[in-house]
């Protein structure tokens, strides 16, 4: 991909992510991703077997170090993670940038996130950054939404709690 294509992609993703849209209901993609289809590694480049999270709700936020809406929503993700710390919820922040870029960001910011590297973002129908996917205890996608959100708002906390209690 040449530099012009990269810049065009960054602009398109940035504009798409900047549109807050209607946050009253999540957007459903035509492709229903299963948790087992996601390939992520930790920052030591070790594959993470997402099957180990069966029985837990899994919140995955796809982000990038250059993405202003991604960075804008991080404090609310951190607060939501703290509010929900006693629940069976796994929070993962996944970027397709290099391990070095993710690690540099992690060092500069005081978030207690489980940073990961997404290995197959092109296979997941991620149309903008940030995008958040939430999987139920069975590993089925039950929430998908591009754009940033205030995850620590009461309505969003309630929504996440509802997902943890549902049997879809």
N, C-alpha and C. Protein backbone atom coordinates (compact mmCIF):
# COMPACT_ATOMS: atom_id res chain seq x y z
N UNK A 1 0.86 -1.17 0.00
CA UNK A 1 0.00 0.00 0.00
C UNK A 1 0.91 1.23 0.00
N UNK A 2 0.70 2.11 -0.97
CA UNK A 2 1.56 3.28 -1.05
C UNK A 2 1.09 4.36 -0.07
N UNK A 3 1.85 5.41 0.04
CA UNK A 3 1.59 6.45 1.03
C UNK A 3 0.26 7.15 0.78
N UNK A 4 -0.12 7.36 -0.47
CA UNK A 4 -1.39 8.02 -0.78
C UNK A 4 -2.56 7.15 -0.35
N UNK A 5 -2.46 5.85 -0.61
CA UNK A 5 -3.52 4.93 -0.19
C UNK A 5 -3.63 4.91 1.34
N UNK A 6 -2.49 4.90 2.02
CA UNK A 6 -2.50 4.90 3.48
C UNK A 6 -3.15 6.17 4.03
N UNK A 7 -2.80 7.32 3.45
CA UNK A 7 -3.38 8.58 3.90
C UNK A 7 -4.88 8.61 3.64
N UNK A 8 -5.30 8.12 2.48
CA UNK A 8 -6.73 8.08 2.17
C UNK A 8 -7.47 7.19 3.16
N UNK A 9 -6.88 6.04 3.51
CA UNK A 9 -7.50 5.13 4.47
C UNK A 9 -7.62 5.78 5.84
N UNK A 10 -6.57 6.47 6.27
CA UNK A 10 -6.59 7.15 7.56
C UNK A 10 -7.68 8.22 7.59
N UNK A 11 -7.80 8.98 6.52
CA UNK A 11 -8.82 10.03 6.46
C UNK A 11 -10.22 9.43 6.50
N UNK A 12 -10.45 8.39 5.71
CA UNK A 12 -11.77 7.76 5.68
C UNK A 12 -12.11 7.18 7.05
N UNK A 13 -11.17 6.47 7.66
CA UNK A 13 -11.43 5.90 8.99
C UNK A 13 -11.66 7.00 10.02
N UNK A 14 -10.88 8.05 9.94
CA UNK A 14 -11.04 9.16 10.88
C UNK A 14 -12.39 9.83 10.76
N UNK A 15 -12.84 10.07 9.53
CA UNK A 15 -14.15 10.68 9.34
C UNK A 15 -15.27 9.77 9.78
N UNK A 16 -15.15 8.49 9.49
CA UNK A 16 -16.19 7.55 9.91
C UNK A 16 -16.26 7.47 11.42
N UNK A 17 -15.12 7.45 12.08
CA UNK A 17 -15.10 7.33 13.53
C UNK A 17 -15.56 8.62 14.21
N UNK A 18 -15.41 9.75 13.54
CA UNK A 18 -15.80 11.02 14.15
C UNK A 18 -17.31 11.24 14.12
N UNK A 19 -18.03 10.48 13.33
CA UNK A 19 -19.48 10.62 13.27
C UNK A 19 -20.09 9.86 14.44
N UNK A 20 -20.63 10.56 15.44
CA UNK A 20 -21.15 9.87 16.60
C UNK A 20 -22.39 9.05 16.29
N UNK A 21 -23.17 9.42 15.28
CA UNK A 21 -24.36 8.64 14.90
C UNK A 21 -25.36 8.53 16.04
N UNK A 22 -26.29 7.61 15.88
CA UNK A 22 -27.33 7.37 16.87
C UNK A 22 -26.82 6.33 17.86
N UNK A 23 -26.55 6.74 19.08
CA UNK A 23 -25.99 5.85 20.09
C UNK A 23 -27.07 5.14 20.91
N UNK A 24 -28.32 5.31 20.52
CA UNK A 24 -29.39 4.67 21.29
C UNK A 24 -29.45 3.17 21.05
N UNK A 25 -28.90 2.71 19.93
CA UNK A 25 -28.86 1.27 19.69
C UNK A 25 -27.60 0.94 18.89
N UNK A 26 -27.02 -0.21 19.13
CA UNK A 26 -25.80 -0.58 18.43
C UNK A 26 -26.08 -0.92 16.97
N UNK A 27 -25.05 -0.76 16.16
CA UNK A 27 -25.15 -1.13 14.76
C UNK A 27 -24.84 -2.62 14.65
N UNK A 28 -25.62 -3.33 13.87
CA UNK A 28 -25.35 -4.74 13.64
C UNK A 28 -24.75 -4.88 12.25
N UNK A 29 -23.63 -5.55 12.18
CA UNK A 29 -23.02 -5.84 10.91
C UNK A 29 -23.67 -7.08 10.32
N UNK A 30 -23.64 -7.18 9.00
CA UNK A 30 -24.21 -8.36 8.36
C UNK A 30 -23.44 -9.61 8.76
N UNK A 31 -22.14 -9.49 8.85
CA UNK A 31 -21.32 -10.63 9.23
C UNK A 31 -21.36 -10.78 10.74
N UNK A 32 -21.76 -11.92 11.21
CA UNK A 32 -21.80 -12.19 12.65
C UNK A 32 -20.49 -12.86 13.06
N UNK A 33 -19.61 -12.10 13.64
CA UNK A 33 -18.32 -12.61 14.07
C UNK A 33 -18.48 -13.42 15.34
N UNK A 34 -17.81 -14.53 15.40
CA UNK A 34 -17.74 -15.32 16.63
C UNK A 34 -16.41 -15.00 17.30
N UNK A 35 -16.38 -15.08 18.61
CA UNK A 35 -15.16 -14.78 19.36
C UNK A 35 -13.99 -15.64 18.88
N UNK A 36 -14.27 -16.88 18.55
CA UNK A 36 -13.21 -17.81 18.12
C UNK A 36 -12.57 -17.41 16.80
N UNK A 37 -13.19 -16.50 16.04
CA UNK A 37 -12.65 -16.05 14.76
C UNK A 37 -11.60 -14.95 14.92
N UNK A 38 -11.48 -14.40 16.12
CA UNK A 38 -10.57 -13.29 16.35
C UNK A 38 -9.20 -13.83 16.74
N UNK A 39 -8.19 -13.34 16.07
CA UNK A 39 -6.82 -13.77 16.34
C UNK A 39 -6.04 -12.60 16.94
N UNK A 40 -5.71 -12.71 18.24
CA UNK A 40 -4.96 -11.66 18.91
C UNK A 40 -3.76 -12.25 19.63
N UNK A 41 -2.78 -11.37 19.85
CA UNK A 41 -1.59 -11.76 20.61
C UNK A 41 -1.40 -10.75 21.74
N UNK A 42 -0.65 -11.16 22.74
CA UNK A 42 -0.28 -10.21 23.78
C UNK A 42 0.92 -9.40 23.29
N UNK A 43 1.42 -8.52 24.12
CA UNK A 43 2.52 -7.66 23.69
C UNK A 43 3.87 -8.38 23.67
N UNK A 44 3.87 -9.65 24.04
CA UNK A 44 5.07 -10.49 23.89
C UNK A 44 4.94 -11.39 22.67
N UNK A 45 3.94 -11.10 21.85
CA UNK A 45 3.64 -11.80 20.61
C UNK A 45 3.21 -13.25 20.83
N UNK A 46 2.65 -13.53 22.00
CA UNK A 46 2.12 -14.85 22.29
C UNK A 46 0.62 -14.85 21.97
N UNK A 47 0.20 -15.87 21.23
CA UNK A 47 -1.22 -15.96 20.87
C UNK A 47 -2.07 -16.07 22.12
N UNK A 48 -3.20 -15.39 22.11
CA UNK A 48 -4.16 -15.46 23.21
C UNK A 48 -5.31 -16.36 22.76
N UNK A 49 -5.54 -17.42 23.47
CA UNK A 49 -6.63 -18.33 23.16
C UNK A 49 -7.90 -17.78 23.79
N UNK A 50 -8.76 -17.21 22.97
CA UNK A 50 -9.97 -16.57 23.48
C UNK A 50 -10.98 -17.58 24.02
N UNK A 51 -10.78 -18.85 23.72
CA UNK A 51 -11.68 -19.88 24.28
C UNK A 51 -11.58 -19.93 25.80
N UNK A 52 -10.47 -19.47 26.34
CA UNK A 52 -10.33 -19.49 27.80
C UNK A 52 -11.30 -18.53 28.49
N UNK A 53 -11.91 -17.63 27.71
CA UNK A 53 -12.86 -16.68 28.28
C UNK A 53 -14.30 -17.16 28.17
N UNK A 54 -14.51 -18.39 27.72
CA UNK A 54 -15.88 -18.93 27.65
C UNK A 54 -16.48 -18.87 29.05
N UNK A 55 -17.72 -18.42 29.13
CA UNK A 55 -18.38 -18.24 30.42
C UNK A 55 -18.25 -16.81 30.93
N UNK A 56 -17.48 -15.97 30.22
CA UNK A 56 -17.33 -14.56 30.59
C UNK A 56 -17.77 -13.69 29.42
N UNK A 57 -18.21 -12.50 29.73
CA UNK A 57 -18.49 -11.51 28.71
C UNK A 57 -17.15 -10.94 28.26
N UNK A 58 -16.98 -10.76 26.96
CA UNK A 58 -15.72 -10.24 26.43
C UNK A 58 -16.00 -8.94 25.67
N UNK A 59 -15.35 -7.87 26.12
CA UNK A 59 -15.47 -6.52 25.57
C UNK A 59 -14.16 -6.27 24.82
N UNK A 60 -14.23 -6.14 23.49
CA UNK A 60 -13.02 -5.86 22.71
C UNK A 60 -13.19 -4.52 22.02
N UNK A 61 -12.26 -3.63 22.28
CA UNK A 61 -12.25 -2.32 21.66
C UNK A 61 -11.08 -2.27 20.68
N UNK A 62 -11.40 -2.03 19.40
CA UNK A 62 -10.38 -1.90 18.36
C UNK A 62 -10.02 -0.43 18.25
N UNK A 63 -8.74 -0.12 18.32
CA UNK A 63 -8.29 1.25 18.42
C UNK A 63 -6.94 1.41 17.72
N UNK A 64 -6.44 2.63 17.67
CA UNK A 64 -5.10 2.92 17.14
C UNK A 64 -4.52 4.10 17.90
N UNK A 65 -3.22 4.15 17.97
CA UNK A 65 -2.53 5.21 18.71
C UNK A 65 -2.76 6.58 18.08
N UNK A 66 -3.01 6.64 16.79
CA UNK A 66 -3.20 7.90 16.07
C UNK A 66 -4.67 8.35 16.05
N UNK A 67 -5.57 7.54 16.56
CA UNK A 67 -7.01 7.76 16.45
C UNK A 67 -7.51 8.60 17.63
N UNK A 68 -7.85 9.86 17.35
CA UNK A 68 -8.30 10.76 18.42
C UNK A 68 -9.58 10.28 19.11
N UNK A 69 -10.61 9.82 18.36
CA UNK A 69 -11.81 9.31 19.05
C UNK A 69 -11.48 8.09 19.93
N UNK A 70 -10.52 7.27 19.50
CA UNK A 70 -10.12 6.11 20.30
C UNK A 70 -9.55 6.57 21.64
N UNK A 71 -8.66 7.52 21.57
CA UNK A 71 -8.01 8.02 22.78
C UNK A 71 -9.01 8.78 23.65
N UNK A 72 -9.94 9.48 23.01
CA UNK A 72 -10.96 10.23 23.75
C UNK A 72 -11.84 9.31 24.60
N UNK A 73 -12.13 8.10 24.11
CA UNK A 73 -13.02 7.21 24.87
C UNK A 73 -12.27 6.35 25.90
N UNK A 74 -10.96 6.34 25.87
CA UNK A 74 -10.21 5.47 26.79
C UNK A 74 -10.48 5.74 28.27
N UNK A 75 -10.56 6.99 28.72
CA UNK A 75 -10.87 7.20 30.14
C UNK A 75 -12.21 6.57 30.54
N UNK A 76 -13.19 6.63 29.66
CA UNK A 76 -14.48 6.04 30.00
C UNK A 76 -14.42 4.51 30.00
N UNK A 77 -13.59 3.93 29.13
CA UNK A 77 -13.40 2.47 29.16
C UNK A 77 -12.71 2.08 30.47
N UNK A 78 -11.70 2.85 30.86
CA UNK A 78 -11.00 2.57 32.12
C UNK A 78 -11.96 2.66 33.30
N UNK A 79 -12.82 3.68 33.30
CA UNK A 79 -13.79 3.82 34.39
C UNK A 79 -14.80 2.67 34.38
N UNK A 80 -15.28 2.30 33.19
CA UNK A 80 -16.23 1.19 33.10
C UNK A 80 -15.58 -0.11 33.58
N UNK A 81 -14.34 -0.31 33.19
CA UNK A 81 -13.61 -1.50 33.64
C UNK A 81 -13.51 -1.52 35.16
N UNK A 82 -13.26 -0.38 35.75
CA UNK A 82 -13.19 -0.29 37.21
C UNK A 82 -14.56 -0.52 37.86
N UNK A 83 -15.60 0.11 37.31
CA UNK A 83 -16.95 -0.05 37.85
C UNK A 83 -17.38 -1.52 37.79
N UNK A 84 -16.99 -2.21 36.72
CA UNK A 84 -17.43 -3.59 36.48
C UNK A 84 -16.40 -4.63 36.93
N UNK A 85 -15.43 -4.21 37.73
CA UNK A 85 -14.32 -5.09 38.11
C UNK A 85 -14.75 -6.38 38.80
N UNK A 86 -15.90 -6.39 39.47
CA UNK A 86 -16.36 -7.59 40.17
C UNK A 86 -17.22 -8.50 39.30
N UNK A 87 -17.42 -8.10 38.05
CA UNK A 87 -18.24 -8.89 37.13
C UNK A 87 -17.35 -9.82 36.30
N UNK A 88 -17.95 -10.79 35.67
CA UNK A 88 -17.24 -11.74 34.81
C UNK A 88 -17.10 -11.14 33.41
N UNK A 89 -16.30 -10.06 33.32
CA UNK A 89 -16.12 -9.35 32.06
C UNK A 89 -14.63 -9.20 31.80
N UNK A 90 -14.22 -9.52 30.58
CA UNK A 90 -12.83 -9.36 30.16
C UNK A 90 -12.79 -8.17 29.20
N UNK A 91 -11.95 -7.19 29.50
CA UNK A 91 -11.75 -6.03 28.63
C UNK A 91 -10.44 -6.21 27.88
N UNK A 92 -10.50 -6.14 26.56
CA UNK A 92 -9.31 -6.23 25.72
C UNK A 92 -9.28 -5.02 24.79
N UNK A 93 -8.14 -4.39 24.66
CA UNK A 93 -7.96 -3.31 23.70
C UNK A 93 -7.03 -3.81 22.62
N UNK A 94 -7.52 -3.88 21.40
CA UNK A 94 -6.79 -4.50 20.30
C UNK A 94 -6.46 -3.48 19.21
N UNK A 95 -5.20 -3.43 18.84
CA UNK A 95 -4.73 -2.56 17.77
C UNK A 95 -3.97 -3.42 16.76
N UNK A 96 -3.99 -3.01 15.51
CA UNK A 96 -3.20 -3.74 14.52
C UNK A 96 -1.87 -3.05 14.23
N UNK A 97 -1.53 -2.11 15.08
CA UNK A 97 -0.24 -1.45 14.93
C UNK A 97 0.87 -2.38 15.44
N UNK A 98 2.10 -1.95 15.29
CA UNK A 98 3.22 -2.78 15.73
C UNK A 98 3.22 -2.89 17.26
N UNK A 99 3.81 -3.96 17.74
CA UNK A 99 3.95 -4.16 19.18
C UNK A 99 4.68 -2.96 19.79
N UNK A 100 5.68 -2.44 19.09
CA UNK A 100 6.46 -1.30 19.60
C UNK A 100 5.57 -0.07 19.76
N UNK A 101 4.70 0.20 18.79
CA UNK A 101 3.81 1.36 18.87
C UNK A 101 2.82 1.21 20.03
N UNK A 102 2.27 0.01 20.16
CA UNK A 102 1.31 -0.23 21.25
C UNK A 102 2.01 -0.09 22.60
N UNK A 103 3.20 -0.67 22.70
CA UNK A 103 3.96 -0.63 23.95
C UNK A 103 4.35 0.81 24.31
N UNK A 104 4.74 1.58 23.33
CA UNK A 104 5.09 2.99 23.57
C UNK A 104 3.87 3.75 24.10
N UNK A 105 2.72 3.51 23.51
CA UNK A 105 1.49 4.15 23.98
C UNK A 105 1.19 3.71 25.41
N UNK A 106 1.29 2.42 25.68
CA UNK A 106 1.01 1.87 27.02
C UNK A 106 1.89 2.53 28.07
N UNK A 107 3.14 2.72 27.76
CA UNK A 107 4.09 3.32 28.71
C UNK A 107 3.73 4.79 28.98
N UNK A 108 3.29 5.50 27.96
CA UNK A 108 2.98 6.93 28.08
C UNK A 108 1.66 7.22 28.78
N UNK A 109 0.78 6.22 28.85
CA UNK A 109 -0.56 6.43 29.41
C UNK A 109 -0.78 5.53 30.61
N UNK A 110 -1.50 6.05 31.57
CA UNK A 110 -1.66 5.36 32.85
C UNK A 110 -2.96 4.55 32.90
N UNK A 111 -3.21 3.75 31.87
CA UNK A 111 -4.40 2.91 31.86
C UNK A 111 -4.00 1.48 32.22
N UNK A 112 -4.85 0.81 32.95
CA UNK A 112 -4.61 -0.58 33.34
C UNK A 112 -5.35 -1.51 32.38
N UNK A 113 -5.04 -1.37 31.09
CA UNK A 113 -5.71 -2.15 30.06
C UNK A 113 -4.93 -3.41 29.73
N UNK A 114 -5.65 -4.37 29.21
CA UNK A 114 -5.04 -5.55 28.64
C UNK A 114 -4.88 -5.24 27.14
N UNK A 115 -3.74 -4.63 26.79
CA UNK A 115 -3.47 -4.27 25.41
C UNK A 115 -3.10 -5.53 24.63
N UNK A 116 -3.67 -5.64 23.42
CA UNK A 116 -3.39 -6.78 22.57
C UNK A 116 -3.16 -6.29 21.15
N UNK A 117 -2.63 -7.19 20.33
CA UNK A 117 -2.45 -6.89 18.91
C UNK A 117 -3.38 -7.79 18.12
N UNK A 118 -4.24 -7.18 17.30
CA UNK A 118 -5.15 -7.95 16.45
C UNK A 118 -4.38 -8.38 15.20
N UNK A 119 -4.44 -9.65 14.92
CA UNK A 119 -3.69 -10.20 13.79
C UNK A 119 -4.53 -10.30 12.52
N UNK A 120 -5.84 -10.30 12.63
CA UNK A 120 -6.71 -10.51 11.45
C UNK A 120 -7.83 -9.47 11.34
N UNK A 121 -7.50 -8.22 11.56
CA UNK A 121 -8.53 -7.17 11.54
C UNK A 121 -9.26 -7.10 10.20
N UNK A 122 -8.57 -7.40 9.10
CA UNK A 122 -9.20 -7.33 7.79
C UNK A 122 -10.30 -8.37 7.61
N UNK A 123 -10.27 -9.43 8.38
CA UNK A 123 -11.28 -10.49 8.28
C UNK A 123 -12.53 -10.21 9.11
N UNK A 124 -12.53 -9.12 9.89
CA UNK A 124 -13.58 -8.92 10.90
C UNK A 124 -14.62 -7.87 10.54
N UNK A 125 -14.56 -7.28 9.38
CA UNK A 125 -15.54 -6.28 8.97
C UNK A 125 -15.52 -5.05 9.88
N UNK A 126 -14.34 -4.71 10.39
CA UNK A 126 -14.18 -3.49 11.18
C UNK A 126 -14.12 -2.33 10.19
N UNK A 127 -15.11 -1.44 10.25
CA UNK A 127 -15.25 -0.39 9.25
C UNK A 127 -14.70 0.96 9.70
N UNK A 128 -14.45 1.12 10.99
CA UNK A 128 -13.96 2.39 11.52
C UNK A 128 -13.31 2.14 12.87
N UNK A 129 -12.48 3.08 13.27
CA UNK A 129 -11.88 3.02 14.61
C UNK A 129 -12.34 4.25 15.38
N UNK A 130 -12.65 4.11 16.64
CA UNK A 130 -12.72 2.84 17.37
C UNK A 130 -13.97 2.06 16.98
N UNK A 131 -13.91 0.78 17.20
CA UNK A 131 -15.07 -0.11 17.10
C UNK A 131 -15.03 -1.00 18.32
N UNK A 132 -16.19 -1.21 18.92
CA UNK A 132 -16.29 -2.08 20.09
C UNK A 132 -17.20 -3.25 19.76
N UNK A 133 -16.73 -4.44 20.11
CA UNK A 133 -17.51 -5.66 20.00
C UNK A 133 -17.66 -6.23 21.41
N UNK A 134 -18.87 -6.68 21.72
CA UNK A 134 -19.09 -7.35 23.01
C UNK A 134 -19.67 -8.72 22.71
N UNK A 135 -19.05 -9.74 23.29
CA UNK A 135 -19.47 -11.12 23.11
C UNK A 135 -20.07 -11.63 24.41
N UNK A 136 -21.13 -12.42 24.26
CA UNK A 136 -21.77 -12.98 25.45
C UNK A 136 -20.93 -14.14 26.01
N UNK A 137 -21.44 -14.76 27.05
CA UNK A 137 -20.70 -15.84 27.73
C UNK A 137 -20.46 -17.05 26.84
N UNK A 138 -21.26 -17.17 25.78
CA UNK A 138 -21.10 -18.29 24.85
C UNK A 138 -20.14 -17.97 23.72
N UNK A 139 -19.64 -16.73 23.67
CA UNK A 139 -18.71 -16.33 22.61
C UNK A 139 -19.40 -15.83 21.35
N UNK A 140 -20.67 -15.47 21.46
CA UNK A 140 -21.43 -14.96 20.33
C UNK A 140 -21.48 -13.43 20.39
N UNK A 141 -21.27 -12.81 19.25
CA UNK A 141 -21.33 -11.35 19.17
C UNK A 141 -22.75 -10.88 19.45
N UNK A 142 -22.90 -10.00 20.44
CA UNK A 142 -24.22 -9.46 20.77
C UNK A 142 -24.26 -7.93 20.68
N UNK A 143 -23.10 -7.30 20.49
CA UNK A 143 -23.05 -5.85 20.37
C UNK A 143 -21.88 -5.50 19.46
N UNK A 144 -22.12 -4.64 18.49
CA UNK A 144 -21.03 -4.14 17.65
C UNK A 144 -21.35 -2.71 17.27
N UNK A 145 -20.34 -1.85 17.42
CA UNK A 145 -20.59 -0.43 17.14
C UNK A 145 -19.29 0.28 16.82
N UNK A 146 -19.25 0.99 15.68
CA UNK A 146 -18.12 1.87 15.41
C UNK A 146 -18.31 3.21 16.11
N UNK A 147 -17.23 3.90 16.34
CA UNK A 147 -17.30 5.22 16.96
C UNK A 147 -17.08 5.16 18.46
N UNK A 148 -16.81 6.31 19.02
CA UNK A 148 -16.54 6.35 20.46
C UNK A 148 -17.84 6.49 21.23
N UNK A 149 -17.77 6.15 22.50
CA UNK A 149 -18.93 6.14 23.39
C UNK A 149 -18.41 6.41 24.80
N UNK A 150 -19.26 6.98 25.63
CA UNK A 150 -18.91 7.17 27.04
C UNK A 150 -19.32 5.90 27.78
N UNK A 151 -18.38 4.98 27.87
CA UNK A 151 -18.66 3.66 28.42
C UNK A 151 -19.01 3.67 29.89
N UNK A 152 -18.64 4.73 30.61
CA UNK A 152 -18.93 4.78 32.04
C UNK A 152 -20.27 5.46 32.35
N UNK A 153 -21.01 5.89 31.32
CA UNK A 153 -22.36 6.40 31.56
C UNK A 153 -23.22 5.27 32.12
N UNK A 154 -24.17 5.63 32.97
CA UNK A 154 -25.02 4.63 33.63
C UNK A 154 -25.74 3.73 32.63
N UNK A 155 -26.23 4.30 31.54
CA UNK A 155 -26.97 3.49 30.55
C UNK A 155 -26.05 2.46 29.90
N UNK A 156 -24.80 2.84 29.66
CA UNK A 156 -23.86 1.90 29.05
C UNK A 156 -23.42 0.82 30.03
N UNK A 157 -23.23 1.19 31.27
CA UNK A 157 -22.91 0.20 32.31
C UNK A 157 -24.06 -0.79 32.43
N UNK A 158 -25.28 -0.27 32.45
CA UNK A 158 -26.46 -1.14 32.53
C UNK A 158 -26.54 -2.07 31.33
N UNK A 159 -26.23 -1.56 30.14
CA UNK A 159 -26.27 -2.39 28.94
C UNK A 159 -25.26 -3.53 29.04
N UNK A 160 -24.04 -3.23 29.49
CA UNK A 160 -23.01 -4.27 29.63
C UNK A 160 -23.45 -5.29 30.68
N UNK A 161 -23.99 -4.82 31.78
CA UNK A 161 -24.48 -5.75 32.82
C UNK A 161 -25.60 -6.64 32.29
N UNK A 162 -26.48 -6.06 31.49
CA UNK A 162 -27.57 -6.84 30.88
C UNK A 162 -27.00 -7.94 29.99
N UNK A 163 -25.98 -7.61 29.22
CA UNK A 163 -25.34 -8.61 28.36
C UNK A 163 -24.75 -9.74 29.19
N UNK A 164 -24.16 -9.40 30.35
CA UNK A 164 -23.56 -10.45 31.19
C UNK A 164 -24.60 -11.39 31.78
N UNK A 165 -25.83 -10.92 31.87
CA UNK A 165 -26.88 -11.73 32.50
C UNK A 165 -27.75 -12.49 31.49
N UNK A 166 -27.67 -12.11 30.21
CA UNK A 166 -28.51 -12.72 29.18
C UNK A 166 -28.01 -14.09 28.77
N UNK A 167 -28.90 -14.88 28.27
CA UNK A 167 -28.58 -16.15 27.62
C UNK A 167 -29.06 -16.05 26.18
N UNK A 168 -28.23 -15.51 25.31
CA UNK A 168 -28.62 -15.37 23.89
C UNK A 168 -28.43 -16.68 23.15
